[in-house]
Amino acid sequence: MDVLKAVCFAFAALSMIGSALAQAPTDYSKVEIKTDKIAPNFYVLNGSGGAIGVLAGPDGVLMVDSQFAPLTEKIVAAVKQISNSPIRFLINTHVHGDHTGGNENLAKMGTVIFAREELRNRLAHPAPAANGTPGTPAPTAALPVITYSSPLTFHMDGEDVQAIPIPKAHTDGDTLVYFPNNNVIMIGDYVRTIQFPNIDRANGGSLNGVLAGIDAAIKLCNAQTKVVPGHGDVTDRTGLINHRDMIISIRDKIAPLVAQGKTLQEVLAAKPTADFDAKVPQSNTTIERFVTQVYAELKAGK
């Protein structure tokens, strides 16, 4: 029995060490911002965190999302390589810090921040962490100055940029940003091309909302539309359809198991994502999260 206890203790200690290593803080000094031009006057910046969209032209710069605060100086420098015009507007696609962390810094530079009212509220009154620790409210300067509940249009740089609310998808404050003349969609985190979906139920996300949001994006697309996900490679209309169909297939495998009263562990053991694991680059780290989220939502009868 003592040996068994020792083995269990050692395993627990190794698990804790592995978890700690996995959550080691990012060294932002080593992060490089990569810039890709994907349309006539539209660029995507990638560094650490969510993708950033940049519309540039004579009327100034409009950005979508701001990554982490320590990267703002590098991000601004990357934008300066695109345009000497000021960053006039910033649209947040959702509340998470890898998309809103630079808000305060940009606001202090004169950038006006736009987002859903739900997003502003969650920045100001964040949900507790999984362990119950209270969230830390964002600084006042980081909060969106202008909020909306219906589509909002920006007429600038030869574009009619549409900020379209997507209710209860990845979170309850999501926005799809459509650039019709560049034929680009910034879709935020309710589509990730390198992972299974992440339905942030603690921040108001929902399975049905994710599916409805993907359908809304599909309707905007033609065969040439470039869809920029929050994380992963740029995709297109076909990619969105395949992503939606994958979610529905996995849901339809989990639903009867929930109806039969199976436990979460039994559902995980049934491997409902097996048909897609080889197609999702980070499947090994996102299967359990996604299946758990779908199970919880179906269990709750939503």
C-alpha atoms as a PDB file:
ATOM      1  CA  MET A   1       0.000   0.000   0.000  1.00  0.00           C
ATOM      2  CA  ASP A   2       2.878   2.376   0.847  1.00  0.00           C
ATOM      3  CA  VAL A   3       4.429   1.691  -2.539  1.00  0.00           C
ATOM      4  CA  LEU A   4       1.100   2.439  -4.229  1.00  0.00           C
ATOM      5  CA  LYS A   5       0.839   5.702  -2.353  1.00  0.00           C
ATOM      6  CA  ALA A   6       4.383   6.605  -3.338  1.00  0.00           C
ATOM      7  CA  VAL A   7       3.667   5.892  -7.001  1.00  0.00           C
ATOM      8  CA  CYS A   8       0.460   7.944  -6.899  1.00  0.00           C
ATOM      9  CA  PHE A   9       2.267  10.807  -5.210  1.00  0.00           C
ATOM     10  CA  ALA A  10       5.048  10.742  -7.785  1.00  0.00           C
ATOM     11  CA  PHE A  11       2.537  10.684 -10.659  1.00  0.00           C
ATOM     12  CA  ALA A  12       0.655  13.628  -9.149  1.00  0.00           C
ATOM     13  CA  ALA A  13       3.889  15.566  -8.716  1.00  0.00           C
ATOM     14  CA  LEU A  14       4.917  14.942 -12.325  1.00  0.00           C
ATOM     15  CA  SER A  15       1.449  16.023 -13.509  1.00  0.00           C
ATOM     16  CA  MET A  16       1.757  19.256 -11.549  1.00  0.00           C
ATOM     17  CA  ILE A  17       5.211  19.915 -12.997  1.00  0.00           C
ATOM     18  CA  GLY A  18       3.927  19.246 -16.521  1.00  0.00           C
ATOM     19  CA  SER A  19       0.986  21.558 -15.971  1.00  0.00           C
ATOM     20  CA  ALA A  20       3.245  24.284 -14.623  1.00  0.00           C
ATOM     21  CA  LEU A  21       5.559  23.970 -17.618  1.00  0.00           C
ATOM     22  CA  ALA A  22       2.601  24.079 -20.003  1.00  0.00           C
ATOM     23  CA  GLN A  23       1.436  27.321 -18.385  1.00  0.00           C
ATOM     24  CA  ALA A  24       4.886  28.968 -18.295  1.00  0.00           C
ATOM     25  CA  PRO A  25       4.569  32.676 -19.089  1.00  0.00           C
ATOM     26  CA  THR A  26       5.304  33.811 -22.628  1.00  0.00           C
ATOM     27  CA  ASP A  27       8.540  35.695 -23.176  1.00  0.00           C
ATOM     28  CA  TYR A  28       7.069  38.531 -25.228  1.00  0.00           C
ATOM     29  CA  SER A  29      10.527  39.952 -25.935  1.00  0.00           C
ATOM     30  CA  LYS A  30      11.096  36.988 -28.261  1.00  0.00           C
ATOM     31  CA  VAL A  31       7.759  37.235 -30.081  1.00  0.00           C
ATOM     32  CA  GLU A  32       7.980  38.431 -33.672  1.00  0.00           C
ATOM     33  CA  ILE A  33       5.047  39.988 -35.497  1.00  0.00           C
ATOM     34  CA  LYS A  34       4.532  38.463 -38.937  1.00  0.00           C
ATOM     35  CA  THR A  35       2.650  40.503 -41.550  1.00  0.00           C
ATOM     36  CA  ASP A  36       0.778  38.944 -44.479  1.00  0.00           C
ATOM     37  CA  LYS A  37      -0.977  40.968 -47.175  1.00  0.00           C
ATOM     38  CA  ILE A  38      -4.043  38.975 -48.175  1.00  0.00           C
ATOM     39  CA  ALA A  39      -6.057  41.570 -50.135  1.00  0.00           C
ATOM     40  CA  PRO A  40      -5.446  44.921 -51.914  1.00  0.00           C
ATOM     41  CA  ASN A  41      -5.286  46.990 -48.714  1.00  0.00           C
ATOM     42  CA  PHE A  42      -5.829  44.378 -46.022  1.00  0.00           C
ATOM     43  CA  TYR A  43      -3.190  42.679 -43.876  1.00  0.00           C
ATOM     44  CA  VAL A  44      -3.088  40.024 -41.154  1.00  0.00           C
ATOM     45  CA  LEU A  45      -0.622  40.267 -38.266  1.00  0.00           C
ATOM     46  CA  ASN A  46       0.303  37.211 -36.220  1.00  0.00           C
ATOM     47  CA  GLY A  47       2.448  37.173 -33.107  1.00  0.00           C
ATOM     48  CA  SER A  48       1.229  35.658 -29.857  1.00  0.00           C
ATOM     49  CA  GLY A  49      -2.505  35.319 -29.396  1.00  0.00           C
ATOM     50  CA  GLY A  50      -5.289  35.951 -31.843  1.00  0.00           C
ATOM     51  CA  ALA A  51      -4.878  37.171 -35.408  1.00  0.00           C
ATOM     52  CA  ILE A  52      -5.023  40.918 -36.003  1.00  0.00           C
ATOM     53  CA  GLY A  53      -6.648  42.439 -39.079  1.00  0.00           C
ATOM     54  CA  VAL A  54      -5.397  45.739 -40.520  1.00  0.00           C
ATOM     55  CA  LEU A  55      -7.249  47.832 -43.097  1.00  0.00           C
ATOM     56  CA  ALA A  56      -4.955  50.624 -44.316  1.00  0.00           C
ATOM     57  CA  GLY A  57      -5.496  53.589 -46.584  1.00  0.00           C
ATOM     58  CA  PRO A  58      -5.716  57.380 -46.846  1.00  0.00           C
ATOM     59  CA  ASP A  59      -8.450  57.603 -44.214  1.00  0.00           C
ATOM     60  CA  GLY A  60      -6.308  55.923 -41.580  1.00  0.00           C
ATOM     61  CA  VAL A  61      -5.976  52.440 -40.147  1.00  0.00           C
ATOM     62  CA  LEU A  62      -8.753  50.232 -38.803  1.00  0.00           C
ATOM     63  CA  MET A  63      -7.591  47.280 -36.720  1.00  0.00           C
ATOM     64  CA  VAL A  64      -9.407  44.149 -35.609  1.00  0.00           C
ATOM     65  CA  ASP A  65      -8.218  42.873 -32.201  1.00  0.00           C
ATOM     66  CA  SER A  66      -5.083  43.856 -30.287  1.00  0.00           C
ATOM     67  CA  GLN A  67      -3.344  40.713 -28.897  1.00  0.00           C
ATOM     68  CA  PHE A  68      -1.466  41.042 -25.585  1.00  0.00           C
ATOM     69  CA  ALA A  69      -0.441  44.341 -23.974  1.00  0.00           C
ATOM     70  CA  PRO A  70       3.354  43.666 -23.990  1.00  0.00           C
ATOM     71  CA  LEU A  71       3.214  43.334 -27.785  1.00  0.00           C
ATOM     72  CA  THR A  72       1.619  46.709 -28.547  1.00  0.00           C
ATOM     73  CA  GLU A  73       4.903  48.431 -29.391  1.00  0.00           C
ATOM     74  CA  LYS A  74       5.818  45.661 -31.846  1.00  0.00           C
ATOM     75  CA  ILE A  75       2.319  45.639 -33.333  1.00  0.00           C
ATOM     76  CA  VAL A  76       2.336  49.415 -33.846  1.00  0.00           C
ATOM     77  CA  ALA A  77       5.768  49.133 -35.480  1.00  0.00           C
ATOM     78  CA  ALA A  78       4.418  46.445 -37.836  1.00  0.00           C
ATOM     79  CA  VAL A  79       1.463  48.658 -38.736  1.00  0.00           C
ATOM     80  CA  LYS A  80       3.878  51.540 -39.429  1.00  0.00           C
ATOM     81  CA  GLN A  81       5.554  49.324 -42.036  1.00  0.00           C
ATOM     82  CA  ILE A  82       2.156  49.148 -43.760  1.00  0.00           C
ATOM     83  CA  SER A  83       1.006  52.752 -43.329  1.00  0.00           C
ATOM     84  CA  ASN A  84       2.096  55.983 -41.657  1.00  0.00           C
ATOM     85  CA  SER A  85      -1.549  56.820 -41.006  1.00  0.00           C
ATOM     86  CA  PRO A  86      -2.795  56.701 -37.395  1.00  0.00           C
ATOM     87  CA  ILE A  87      -4.637  53.678 -35.998  1.00  0.00           C
ATOM     88  CA  ARG A  88      -8.027  55.369 -35.787  1.00  0.00           C
ATOM     89  CA  PHE A  89     -10.363  52.513 -34.924  1.00  0.00           C
ATOM     90  CA  LEU A  90     -10.126  49.133 -33.192  1.00  0.00           C
ATOM     91  CA  ILE A  91     -12.861  46.484 -33.255  1.00  0.00           C
ATOM     92  CA  ASN A  92     -12.724  43.652 -30.692  1.00  0.00           C
ATOM     93  CA  THR A  93     -14.131  40.319 -31.897  1.00  0.00           C
ATOM     94  CA  HIS A  94     -14.530  38.970 -28.343  1.00  0.00           C
ATOM     95  CA  VAL A  95     -13.433  39.479 -24.746  1.00  0.00           C
ATOM     96  CA  HIS A  96     -10.399  37.214 -24.306  1.00  0.00           C
ATOM     97  CA  GLY A  97      -7.098  38.826 -23.383  1.00  0.00           C
ATOM     98  CA  ASP A  98      -5.215  37.587 -26.431  1.00  0.00           C
ATOM     99  CA  HIS A  99      -7.601  39.737 -28.491  1.00  0.00           C
ATOM    100  CA  THR A 100      -8.173  42.691 -26.129  1.00  0.00           C
ATOM    101  CA  GLY A 101      -4.936  42.905 -24.126  1.00  0.00           C
ATOM    102  CA  GLY A 102      -3.562  45.823 -26.138  1.00  0.00           C
ATOM    103  CA  ASN A 103      -6.724  47.904 -25.838  1.00  0.00           C
ATOM    104  CA  GLU A 104      -5.491  50.203 -23.090  1.00  0.00           C
ATOM    105  CA  ASN A 105      -2.206  50.983 -24.852  1.00  0.00           C
ATOM    106  CA  LEU A 106      -3.913  51.740 -28.156  1.00  0.00           C
ATOM    107  CA  ALA A 107      -6.606  53.844 -26.489  1.00  0.00           C
ATOM    108  CA  LYS A 108      -3.886  55.991 -24.907  1.00  0.00           C
ATOM    109  CA  MET A 109      -2.522  56.551 -28.419  1.00  0.00           C
ATOM    110  CA  GLY A 110      -5.896  57.930 -29.506  1.00  0.00           C
ATOM    111  CA  THR A 111      -7.467  54.807 -31.018  1.00  0.00           C
ATOM    112  CA  VAL A 112     -11.253  54.574 -30.581  1.00  0.00           C
ATOM    113  CA  ILE A 113     -12.389  51.088 -29.508  1.00  0.00           C
ATOM    114  CA  PHE A 114     -15.636  49.493 -30.706  1.00  0.00           C
ATOM    115  CA  ALA A 115     -17.249  46.260 -29.471  1.00  0.00           C
ATOM    116  CA  ARG A 116     -20.461  44.631 -28.349  1.00  0.00           C
ATOM    117  CA  GLU A 117     -21.962  45.882 -25.086  1.00  0.00           C
ATOM    118  CA  GLU A 118     -21.674  42.331 -23.710  1.00  0.00           C
ATOM    119  CA  LEU A 119     -17.928  42.388 -24.350  1.00  0.00           C
ATOM    120  CA  ARG A 120     -17.526  45.725 -22.578  1.00  0.00           C
ATOM    121  CA  ASN A 121     -19.473  44.416 -19.613  1.00  0.00           C
ATOM    122  CA  ARG A 122     -17.324  41.294 -19.354  1.00  0.00           C
ATOM    123  CA  LEU A 123     -14.104  43.309 -19.499  1.00  0.00           C
ATOM    124  CA  ALA A 124     -15.413  45.476 -16.687  1.00  0.00           C
ATOM    125  CA  HIS A 125     -16.944  42.574 -14.724  1.00  0.00           C
ATOM    126  CA  PRO A 126     -14.983  39.444 -15.693  1.00  0.00           C
ATOM    127  CA  ALA A 127     -16.194  35.936 -14.922  1.00  0.00           C
ATOM    128  CA  PRO A 128     -14.355  34.075 -12.132  1.00  0.00           C
ATOM    129  CA  ALA A 129     -11.570  31.679 -13.067  1.00  0.00           C
ATOM    130  CA  ALA A 130     -12.310  27.937 -13.164  1.00  0.00           C
ATOM    131  CA  ASN A 131     -10.996  27.633  -9.599  1.00  0.00           C
ATOM    132  CA  GLY A 132     -13.335  30.372  -8.396  1.00  0.00           C
ATOM    133  CA  THR A 133     -10.728  33.131  -8.200  1.00  0.00           C
ATOM    134  CA  PRO A 134     -12.386  36.479  -8.989  1.00  0.00           C
ATOM    135  CA  GLY A 135     -11.481  37.986 -12.342  1.00  0.00           C
ATOM    136  CA  THR A 136      -9.531  41.244 -12.570  1.00  0.00           C
ATOM    137  CA  PRO A 137     -11.483  44.087 -14.206  1.00  0.00           C
ATOM    138  CA  ALA A 138      -9.824  45.695 -17.211  1.00  0.00           C
ATOM    139  CA  PRO A 139      -8.574  49.287 -16.812  1.00  0.00           C
ATOM    140  CA  THR A 140     -11.118  51.913 -17.807  1.00  0.00           C
ATOM    141  CA  ALA A 141      -9.036  52.932 -20.819  1.00  0.00           C
ATOM    142  CA  ALA A 142      -9.227  49.354 -22.154  1.00  0.00           C
ATOM    143  CA  LEU A 143     -13.025  49.404 -22.349  1.00  0.00           C
ATOM    144  CA  PRO A 144     -14.729  49.979 -25.704  1.00  0.00           C
ATOM    145  CA  VAL A 145     -15.897  53.572 -26.065  1.00  0.00           C
ATOM    146  CA  ILE A 146     -18.632  52.765 -28.584  1.00  0.00           C
ATOM    147  CA  THR A 147     -20.823  49.656 -28.289  1.00  0.00           C
ATOM    148  CA  TYR A 148     -23.482  48.241 -30.567  1.00  0.00           C
ATOM    149  CA  SER A 149     -26.162  45.553 -30.671  1.00  0.00           C
ATOM    150  CA  SER A 150     -26.886  45.644 -34.408  1.00  0.00           C
ATOM    151  CA  PRO A 151     -24.559  45.784 -37.439  1.00  0.00           C
ATOM    152  CA  LEU A 152     -22.293  48.827 -37.605  1.00  0.00           C
ATOM    153  CA  THR A 153     -20.649  50.119 -40.785  1.00  0.00           C
ATOM    154  CA  PHE A 154     -17.353  52.020 -41.157  1.00  0.00           C
ATOM    155  CA  HIS A 155     -16.911  53.875 -44.459  1.00  0.00           C
ATOM    156  CA  MET A 156     -13.174  54.319 -44.925  1.00  0.00           C
ATOM    157  CA  ASP A 157     -10.230  53.439 -47.149  1.00  0.00           C
ATOM    158  CA  GLY A 158     -12.518  52.417 -49.996  1.00  0.00           C
ATOM    159  CA  GLU A 159     -14.358  49.948 -47.749  1.00  0.00           C
ATOM    160  CA  ASP A 160     -17.755  49.575 -46.134  1.00  0.00           C
ATOM    161  CA  VAL A 161     -16.543  47.594 -43.136  1.00  0.00           C
ATOM    162  CA  GLN A 162     -19.364  45.755 -41.404  1.00  0.00           C
ATOM    163  CA  ALA A 163     -19.129  44.831 -37.711  1.00  0.00           C
ATOM    164  CA  ILE A 164     -21.814  42.161 -37.369  1.00  0.00           C
ATOM    165  CA  PRO A 165     -22.904  40.918 -33.916  1.00  0.00           C
ATOM    166  CA  ILE A 166     -22.865  37.120 -33.531  1.00  0.00           C
ATOM    167  CA  PRO A 167     -24.966  36.216 -30.469  1.00  0.00           C
ATOM    168  CA  LYS A 168     -23.704  33.597 -28.012  1.00  0.00           C
ATOM    169  CA  ALA A 169     -21.098  31.798 -30.129  1.00  0.00           C
ATOM    170  CA  HIS A 170     -17.552  31.561 -28.733  1.00  0.00           C
ATOM    171  CA  THR A 171     -18.755  34.067 -26.109  1.00  0.00           C
ATOM    172  CA  ASP A 172     -21.867  36.231 -25.790  1.00  0.00           C
ATOM    173  CA  GLY A 173     -20.034  39.275 -27.175  1.00  0.00           C
ATOM    174  CA  ASP A 174     -18.701  38.035 -30.504  1.00  0.00           C
ATOM    175  CA  THR A 175     -18.430  40.140 -33.653  1.00  0.00           C
ATOM    176  CA  LEU A 176     -17.766  39.066 -37.243  1.00  0.00           C
ATOM    177  CA  VAL A 177     -16.005  41.812 -39.210  1.00  0.00           C
ATOM    178  CA  TYR A 178     -16.637  41.795 -42.975  1.00  0.00           C
ATOM    179  CA  PHE A 179     -14.593  43.749 -45.524  1.00  0.00           C
ATOM    180  CA  PRO A 180     -16.684  43.316 -48.705  1.00  0.00           C
ATOM    181  CA  ASN A 181     -14.421  45.134 -51.173  1.00  0.00           C
ATOM    182  CA  ASN A 182     -11.341  43.234 -50.008  1.00  0.00           C
ATOM    183  CA  ASN A 183     -13.537  40.108 -49.737  1.00  0.00           C
ATOM    184  CA  VAL A 184     -12.195  39.264 -46.279  1.00  0.00           C
ATOM    185  CA  ILE A 185     -13.903  38.116 -43.069  1.00  0.00           C
ATOM    186  CA  MET A 186     -12.319  38.360 -39.627  1.00  0.00           C
ATOM    187  CA  ILE A 187     -14.324  35.732 -37.761  1.00  0.00           C
ATOM    188  CA  GLY A 188     -12.690  35.729 -34.336  1.00  0.00           C
ATOM    189  CA  ASP A 189     -12.438  32.637 -32.169  1.00  0.00           C
ATOM    190  CA  TYR A 190     -15.690  30.888 -32.953  1.00  0.00           C
ATOM    191  CA  VAL A 191     -13.748  29.340 -35.822  1.00  0.00           C
ATOM    192  CA  ARG A 192     -10.217  28.021 -35.220  1.00  0.00           C
ATOM    193  CA  THR A 193      -8.596  26.119 -38.071  1.00  0.00           C
ATOM    194  CA  ILE A 194      -5.960  24.470 -35.858  1.00  0.00           C
ATOM    195  CA  GLN A 195      -8.196  23.263 -33.019  1.00  0.00           C
ATOM    196  CA  PHE A 196     -11.545  21.800 -32.186  1.00  0.00           C
ATOM    197  CA  PRO A 197     -13.970  24.620 -31.297  1.00  0.00           C
ATOM    198  CA  ASN A 198     -13.842  26.317 -27.928  1.00  0.00           C
ATOM    199  CA  ILE A 199     -17.300  27.155 -26.580  1.00  0.00           C
ATOM    200  CA  ASP A 200     -16.623  29.473 -23.641  1.00  0.00           C
ATOM    201  CA  ARG A 201     -19.789  28.754 -21.686  1.00  0.00           C
ATOM    202  CA  ALA A 202     -18.543  30.748 -18.679  1.00  0.00           C
ATOM    203  CA  ASN A 203     -18.559  33.826 -20.918  1.00  0.00           C
ATOM    204  CA  GLY A 204     -21.921  33.109 -22.508  1.00  0.00           C
ATOM    205  CA  GLY A 205     -20.876  30.949 -25.479  1.00  0.00           C
ATOM    206  CA  SER A 206     -23.135  28.244 -26.905  1.00  0.00           C
ATOM    207  CA  LEU A 207     -23.007  25.387 -29.389  1.00  0.00           C
ATOM    208  CA  ASN A 208     -26.049  26.569 -31.334  1.00  0.00           C
ATOM    209  CA  GLY A 209     -24.592  30.068 -31.450  1.00  0.00           C
ATOM    210  CA  VAL A 210     -21.347  28.779 -32.954  1.00  0.00           C
ATOM    211  CA  LEU A 211     -23.280  26.945 -35.663  1.00  0.00           C
ATOM    212  CA  ALA A 212     -25.469  29.986 -36.367  1.00  0.00           C
ATOM    213  CA  GLY A 213     -22.383  32.203 -36.518  1.00  0.00           C
ATOM    214  CA  ILE A 214     -20.679  29.927 -39.027  1.00  0.00           C
ATOM    215  CA  ASP A 215     -23.843  29.889 -41.139  1.00  0.00           C
ATOM    216  CA  ALA A 216     -23.901  33.706 -41.067  1.00  0.00           C
ATOM    217  CA  ALA A 217     -20.324  33.783 -42.356  1.00  0.00           C
ATOM    218  CA  ILE A 218     -21.026  31.208 -45.068  1.00  0.00           C
ATOM    219  CA  LYS A 219     -23.839  33.399 -46.396  1.00  0.00           C
ATOM    220  CA  LEU A 220     -21.402  36.296 -46.814  1.00  0.00           C
ATOM    221  CA  CYS A 221     -18.836  34.220 -48.694  1.00  0.00           C
ATOM    222  CA  ASN A 222     -18.245  33.550 -52.342  1.00  0.00           C
ATOM    223  CA  ALA A 223     -15.631  31.156 -53.684  1.00  0.00           C
ATOM    224  CA  GLN A 224     -12.854  33.756 -53.352  1.00  0.00           C
ATOM    225  CA  THR A 225     -13.589  35.049 -49.850  1.00  0.00           C
ATOM    226  CA  LYS A 226     -10.705  34.783 -47.386  1.00  0.00           C
ATOM    227  CA  VAL A 227     -11.804  33.929 -43.855  1.00  0.00           C
ATOM    228  CA  VAL A 228      -9.317  34.785 -41.105  1.00  0.00           C
ATOM    229  CA  PRO A 229      -9.899  32.698 -37.969  1.00  0.00           C
ATOM    230  CA  GLY A 230      -8.884  33.781 -34.494  1.00  0.00           C
ATOM    231  CA  HIS A 231      -6.205  31.086 -34.565  1.00  0.00           C
ATOM    232  CA  GLY A 232      -4.840  29.109 -37.495  1.00  0.00           C
ATOM    233  CA  ASP A 233      -4.497  29.397 -41.245  1.00  0.00           C
ATOM    234  CA  VAL A 234      -6.759  31.526 -43.418  1.00  0.00           C
ATOM    235  CA  THR A 235      -9.666  29.479 -44.750  1.00  0.00           C
ATOM    236  CA  ASP A 236     -12.568  29.925 -47.173  1.00  0.00           C
ATOM    237  CA  ARG A 237     -16.234  29.125 -47.728  1.00  0.00           C
ATOM    238  CA  THR A 238     -15.542  25.412 -48.221  1.00  0.00           C
ATOM    239  CA  GLY A 239     -13.469  25.375 -45.045  1.00  0.00           C
ATOM    240  CA  LEU A 240     -16.326  26.950 -43.100  1.00  0.00           C
ATOM    241  CA  ILE A 241     -18.806  24.399 -44.446  1.00  0.00           C
ATOM    242  CA  ASN A 242     -16.486  21.536 -43.499  1.00  0.00           C
ATOM    243  CA  HIS A 243     -15.953  23.020 -40.038  1.00  0.00           C
ATOM    244  CA  ARG A 244     -19.684  23.383 -39.469  1.00  0.00           C
ATOM    245  CA  ASP A 245     -20.372  19.851 -40.695  1.00  0.00           C
ATOM    246  CA  MET A 246     -17.660  18.482 -38.379  1.00  0.00           C
ATOM    247  CA  ILE A 247     -19.293  20.146 -35.378  1.00  0.00           C
ATOM    248  CA  ILE A 248     -22.713  18.772 -36.319  1.00  0.00           C
ATOM    249  CA  SER A 249     -21.305  15.272 -36.811  1.00  0.00           C
ATOM    250  CA  ILE A 250     -19.612  15.288 -33.396  1.00  0.00           C
ATOM    251  CA  ARG A 251     -22.714  16.737 -31.741  1.00  0.00           C
ATOM    252  CA  ASP A 252     -24.852  14.018 -33.298  1.00  0.00           C
ATOM    253  CA  LYS A 253     -22.539  11.352 -31.892  1.00  0.00           C
ATOM    254  CA  ILE A 254     -22.591  12.823 -28.390  1.00  0.00           C
ATOM    255  CA  ALA A 255     -26.331  13.566 -28.213  1.00  0.00           C
ATOM    256  CA  PRO A 256     -27.590   9.943 -28.067  1.00  0.00           C
ATOM    257  CA  LEU A 257     -24.967   9.095 -25.453  1.00  0.00           C
ATOM    258  CA  VAL A 258     -26.208  11.955 -23.305  1.00  0.00           C
ATOM    259  CA  ALA A 259     -29.793  10.779 -23.853  1.00  0.00           C
ATOM    260  CA  GLN A 260     -28.743   7.318 -22.641  1.00  0.00           C
ATOM    261  CA  GLY A 261     -27.439   8.841 -19.402  1.00  0.00           C
ATOM    262  CA  LYS A 262     -23.759   8.217 -20.147  1.00  0.00           C
ATOM    263  CA  THR A 263     -21.221  10.003 -17.953  1.00  0.00           C
ATOM    264  CA  LEU A 264     -18.728  12.450 -19.381  1.00  0.00           C
ATOM    265  CA  GLN A 265     -15.937   9.897 -19.001  1.00  0.00           C
ATOM    266  CA  GLU A 266     -17.997   7.329 -20.900  1.00  0.00           C
ATOM    267  CA  VAL A 267     -18.619   9.838 -23.682  1.00  0.00           C
ATOM    268  CA  LEU A 268     -14.929  10.700 -23.893  1.00  0.00           C
ATOM    269  CA  ALA A 269     -14.096   6.983 -24.007  1.00  0.00           C
ATOM    270  CA  ALA A 270     -16.459   6.595 -26.976  1.00  0.00           C
ATOM    271  CA  LYS A 271     -14.157   8.931 -28.957  1.00  0.00           C
ATOM    272  CA  PRO A 272     -16.869  10.959 -30.737  1.00  0.00           C
ATOM    273  CA  THR A 273     -14.232  13.082 -32.517  1.00  0.00           C
ATOM    274  CA  ALA A 274     -12.294  10.099 -33.938  1.00  0.00           C
ATOM    275  CA  ASP A 275     -13.303  10.736 -37.568  1.00  0.00           C
ATOM    276  CA  PHE A 276     -11.702  14.186 -37.413  1.00  0.00           C
ATOM    277  CA  ASP A 277      -8.729  13.847 -35.053  1.00  0.00           C
ATOM    278  CA  ALA A 278      -6.192  13.404 -37.861  1.00  0.00           C
ATOM    279  CA  LYS A 279      -7.509  16.542 -39.607  1.00  0.00           C
ATOM    280  CA  VAL A 280      -7.208  18.881 -36.604  1.00  0.00           C
ATOM    281  CA  PRO A 281      -3.577  19.883 -35.893  1.00  0.00           C
ATOM    282  CA  GLN A 282      -4.027  20.442 -32.158  1.00  0.00           C
ATOM    283  CA  SER A 283      -6.590  17.692 -31.643  1.00  0.00           C
ATOM    284  CA  ASN A 284      -4.639  16.078 -28.799  1.00  0.00           C
ATOM    285  CA  THR A 285      -4.976  19.184 -26.624  1.00  0.00           C
ATOM    286  CA  THR A 286      -8.500  20.274 -27.611  1.00  0.00           C
ATOM    287  CA  ILE A 287     -10.569  17.070 -27.867  1.00  0.00           C
ATOM    288  CA  GLU A 288     -11.412  16.817 -24.181  1.00  0.00           C
ATOM    289  CA  ARG A 289     -12.241  20.508 -23.918  1.00  0.00           C
ATOM    290  CA  PHE A 290     -14.642  20.454 -26.862  1.00  0.00           C
ATOM    291  CA  VAL A 291     -16.348  17.173 -25.962  1.00  0.00           C
ATOM    292  CA  THR A 292     -16.771  18.365 -22.365  1.00  0.00           C
ATOM    293  CA  GLN A 293     -18.351  21.614 -23.561  1.00  0.00           C
ATOM    294  CA  VAL A 294     -20.755  19.886 -25.943  1.00  0.00           C
ATOM    295  CA  TYR A 295     -21.637  17.303 -23.284  1.00  0.00           C
ATOM    296  CA  ALA A 296     -22.376  20.033 -20.715  1.00  0.00           C
ATOM    297  CA  GLU A 297     -24.571  21.945 -23.122  1.00  0.00           C
ATOM    298  CA  LEU A 298     -26.548  18.907 -24.253  1.00  0.00           C
ATOM    299  CA  LYS A 299     -26.843  17.725 -20.660  1.00  0.00           C
ATOM    300  CA  ALA A 300     -28.328  21.071 -19.727  1.00  0.00           C
ATOM    301  CA  GLY A 301     -30.856  20.680 -22.531  1.00  0.00           C
ATOM    302  CA  LYS A 302     -29.806  23.774 -24.465  1.00  0.00           C
END
